[in-house]
Protein backbone atom coordinates (compact mmCIF):
# COMPACT_ATOMS: atom_id res chain seq x y z
CA MET A 1 33.38 -44.28 7.16
CA ILE A 2 33.54 -43.59 3.40
CA HIS A 3 36.94 -41.95 2.06
CA THR A 4 36.01 -39.77 -0.84
CA THR A 5 39.68 -39.49 -1.99
CA PHE A 6 39.37 -43.01 -3.69
CA MET A 7 35.74 -42.57 -4.54
CA GLU A 8 34.72 -41.09 -7.99
CA THR A 9 31.04 -42.25 -8.18
CA LYS A 10 28.48 -43.11 -5.67
CA ILE A 11 24.89 -44.66 -5.76
CA CYS A 12 22.03 -42.72 -4.81
CA THR A 13 19.67 -44.50 -2.38
CA LYS A 14 16.54 -42.86 -3.60
CA CYS A 15 16.84 -43.24 -7.52
CA LYS A 16 19.46 -45.97 -7.36
CA ARG A 17 21.53 -44.50 -10.10
CA GLU A 18 25.26 -44.35 -10.13
CA LEU A 19 26.35 -40.82 -10.39
CA PRO A 20 29.61 -38.81 -10.10
CA ILE A 21 30.53 -37.64 -6.73
CA SER A 22 29.87 -33.97 -7.72
CA CYS A 23 26.04 -34.72 -7.84
CA PHE A 24 26.01 -35.28 -4.08
CA SER A 25 26.24 -32.71 -1.41
CA ALA A 26 28.96 -32.93 1.30
CA ARG A 27 27.71 -33.43 4.79
CA SER A 28 28.09 -30.55 7.02
CA ARG A 29 29.33 -32.38 9.96
CA ASN A 30 32.04 -34.59 8.24
CA SER A 31 33.59 -33.20 5.20
CA ASN A 32 34.91 -36.58 4.19
CA THR A 33 31.42 -37.94 3.50
CA TYR A 34 28.54 -37.20 1.25
CA GLU A 35 24.78 -37.31 1.55
CA SER A 36 22.97 -40.54 0.59
CA TYR A 37 20.53 -38.82 -1.95
CA CYS A 38 21.98 -37.05 -5.04
CA LYS A 39 21.17 -33.16 -5.29
CA GLU A 40 18.26 -33.71 -7.59
CA CYS A 41 16.55 -36.20 -5.36
CA LYS A 42 17.19 -34.20 -2.24
CA ALA A 43 15.63 -31.00 -3.92
CA THR A 44 12.52 -33.22 -4.82
CA ALA A 45 12.07 -34.52 -1.52
CA GLN A 46 12.49 -31.12 0.00
CA ARG A 47 9.74 -29.62 -2.33
CA GLU A 48 7.38 -32.54 -1.60
CA ARG A 49 8.04 -32.14 2.36
CA ALA A 50 7.39 -28.31 1.97
CA LYS A 51 4.25 -28.75 -0.09
CA ARG A 52 2.96 -31.49 2.49
CA TYR A 53 3.81 -29.12 5.41
CA SER A 54 1.93 -26.25 3.76
CA GLU A 55 -1.14 -28.30 3.15
CA GLU A 56 -1.20 -29.58 6.74
CA ARG A 57 -0.85 -25.90 8.08
CA LYS A 58 -3.20 -24.22 5.80
CA GLU A 59 -6.25 -24.57 8.15
CA GLN A 60 -4.18 -23.62 11.17
CA ARG A 61 -2.89 -20.49 9.28
CA ARG A 62 -6.57 -19.48 8.25
CA GLU A 63 -7.62 -19.88 11.97
CA TYR A 64 -4.59 -17.84 13.17
CA LYS A 65 -5.30 -15.09 10.64
CA LYS A 66 -9.05 -14.90 11.66
CA GLU A 67 -8.23 -14.81 15.49
CA TRP A 68 -5.56 -12.07 14.79
CA LEU A 69 -7.90 -9.93 12.85
CA LYS A 70 -10.55 -10.35 15.51
CA ASN A 71 -7.89 -9.52 18.31
CA ASN A 72 -6.59 -6.59 16.29
CA HIS A 73 -9.47 -4.98 14.86
CA GLN A 74 -9.01 -1.70 16.66
CA LYS A 75 -5.38 -1.70 15.41
CA ILE A 76 -6.42 -2.08 11.80
CA ILE A 77 -8.86 0.73 12.17
CA ASP A 78 -6.46 2.95 13.89
CA HIS A 79 -3.80 2.34 11.17
CA ARG A 80 -6.31 3.13 8.38
CA HIS A 81 -7.46 6.39 10.22
CA ARG A 82 -3.63 7.48 10.37
CA GLN A 83 -3.42 6.74 6.79
CA GLU A 84 -6.42 8.74 5.90
CA GLU A 85 -5.08 11.73 8.11
CA LEU A 86 -1.85 11.61 6.31
CA TRP A 87 -3.63 11.95 2.91
CA HIS A 88 -5.81 14.67 4.30
CA ARG A 89 -2.60 16.65 5.54
CA LYS A 90 -0.96 16.19 2.33
CA ALA A 91 -3.92 17.55 0.20
CA HIS A 92 -4.31 20.50 2.52
CA ARG A 93 -0.52 21.26 2.35
CA LYS A 94 -0.73 21.04 -1.50
CA VAL A 95 -3.57 23.64 -1.49
CA ARG A 96 -1.82 25.90 0.93
CA SER A 97 1.28 25.86 -1.18
CA TYR A 98 -0.76 26.71 -4.33
CA LYS A 99 -2.42 29.50 -2.47
CA ARG A 100 0.87 30.95 -1.35
CA LYS A 101 2.73 30.31 -4.67
CA TYR A 102 0.00 32.16 -6.87
CA ASN A 103 -1.43 34.45 -4.10
CA ILE A 104 -4.89 33.03 -4.38
CA SER A 105 -7.65 34.09 -1.87
CA PHE A 106 -11.05 32.48 -1.81
CA ASN A 107 -13.79 35.16 -1.00
CA VAL A 108 -17.23 33.61 -1.82
CA CYS A 109 -18.84 30.26 -0.87
CA SER A 110 -19.57 28.45 -3.96
CA MET A 111 -22.66 26.83 -2.64
CA CYS A 112 -24.50 29.54 -0.74
CA TRP A 113 -22.67 32.61 -2.10
CA MET A 114 -22.08 34.20 1.35
CA GLU A 115 -18.87 35.91 2.09
CA TRP A 116 -17.69 34.46 5.21
CA ARG A 117 -14.69 32.35 6.35
CA MET A 118 -13.94 30.23 3.46
CA LEU A 119 -12.61 26.55 3.63
CA THR A 120 -11.34 24.20 0.93
CA HIS A 121 -13.28 20.91 0.68
CA HIS A 122 -11.74 17.91 -1.08
CA PRO A 123 -14.33 15.67 -2.73
CA ASN A 124 -11.63 13.06 -3.40
CA TYR A 125 -8.30 13.03 -1.74
CA ASP A 126 -6.84 11.13 -4.53
CA GLU A 127 -6.86 14.36 -6.44
CA PRO A 128 -5.54 16.86 -3.86
CA THR A 129 -5.57 19.85 -6.32
CA LYS A 130 -9.12 19.48 -6.99
CA ILE A 131 -11.19 21.62 -4.31
CA ILE A 132 -14.49 23.15 -3.64
CA VAL A 133 -14.54 26.60 -1.92
CA VAL A 134 -17.21 26.57 0.75
CA CYS A 135 -17.97 28.43 3.94
CA ASP A 136 -17.93 26.73 7.16
CA SER A 137 -21.69 26.00 7.55
CA CYS A 138 -21.96 24.48 3.93
CA HIS A 139 -18.59 22.35 4.65
CA GLN A 140 -20.42 20.98 7.77
CA ALA A 141 -23.62 20.31 5.73
CA ILE A 142 -21.63 18.45 3.19
CA HIS A 143 -20.04 16.08 5.84
CA ARG A 144 -23.23 15.91 7.98
CA TRP A 145 -25.73 15.13 5.41
CA ARG A 146 -23.42 13.74 2.70
CA LEU A 147 -24.40 16.12 0.23
CA LYS A 148 -23.37 15.70 -3.36
CA GLU A 149 -20.96 18.31 -4.63
CA ASP A 150 -21.76 19.75 -8.02
CA ASP A 151 -18.89 19.01 -10.42
CA THR A 152 -19.18 22.40 -11.84
CA LYS A 153 -18.22 23.95 -8.51
CA ILE A 154 -14.85 21.93 -8.36
CA ILE A 155 -11.76 24.16 -9.01
CA ASP A 156 -8.68 22.37 -10.23
CA LEU A 157 -5.69 24.40 -8.81
CA ARG A 158 -3.37 22.98 -11.50
CA GLU A 159 -5.34 24.57 -14.33
CA LEU A 160 -5.42 28.08 -12.83
CA ASP A 161 -3.55 30.31 -15.19
CA CYS A 162 -0.74 31.51 -12.89
CA HIS A 163 -0.24 34.70 -14.80
CA ALA A 164 -3.77 36.05 -15.14
CA LYS A 165 -4.84 34.75 -11.72
CA ALA A 166 -1.69 35.86 -9.89
CA LYS A 167 -3.18 38.54 -7.89
CA SER A 168 -6.27 36.61 -6.51
CA HIS A 169 -8.85 34.15 -7.39
CA GLN A 170 -12.50 35.11 -6.61
CA VAL A 171 -15.80 33.29 -7.24
CA LYS A 172 -18.25 35.69 -8.49
CA SER A 173 -21.84 35.60 -7.07
CA PRO A 174 -24.57 35.25 -9.61
CA ARG A 175 -26.39 38.34 -8.18
């Protein structure tokens, strides 16, 4: 047993240097003794061990990830669908709040010019205030046949002049 009260230096068994006792970590089991490697050598050895372990496990982690993705494919799809639904709800909420705030009503479909039940279509859910006002049948056609929306028919709710358009916003038919 080494008594540290009399010791001021110690030799590292790894680098063979004689160093002050403060360069060695105390052993956790016995507070009177110190590690055989200095703190610097111990850190180097630990880094090398971690790198070696990481290299040894790389293929195993890759296989595990591949297997996990295969087994949890439906879970991933469900998560993406939930995220998309949240985006859609958020966008529709924003449109409803603009309609309430500025007392906006849409009366004419911007694709077929029919006066029927109007819906708001979001060409891009990343921009929730940009909408296309369409009737139910045109909205279904957009989704069913992946029709391209004309950029001129997109209305940006943020650009509506809230004072001039406070009563209602109506799309005028070309007739």
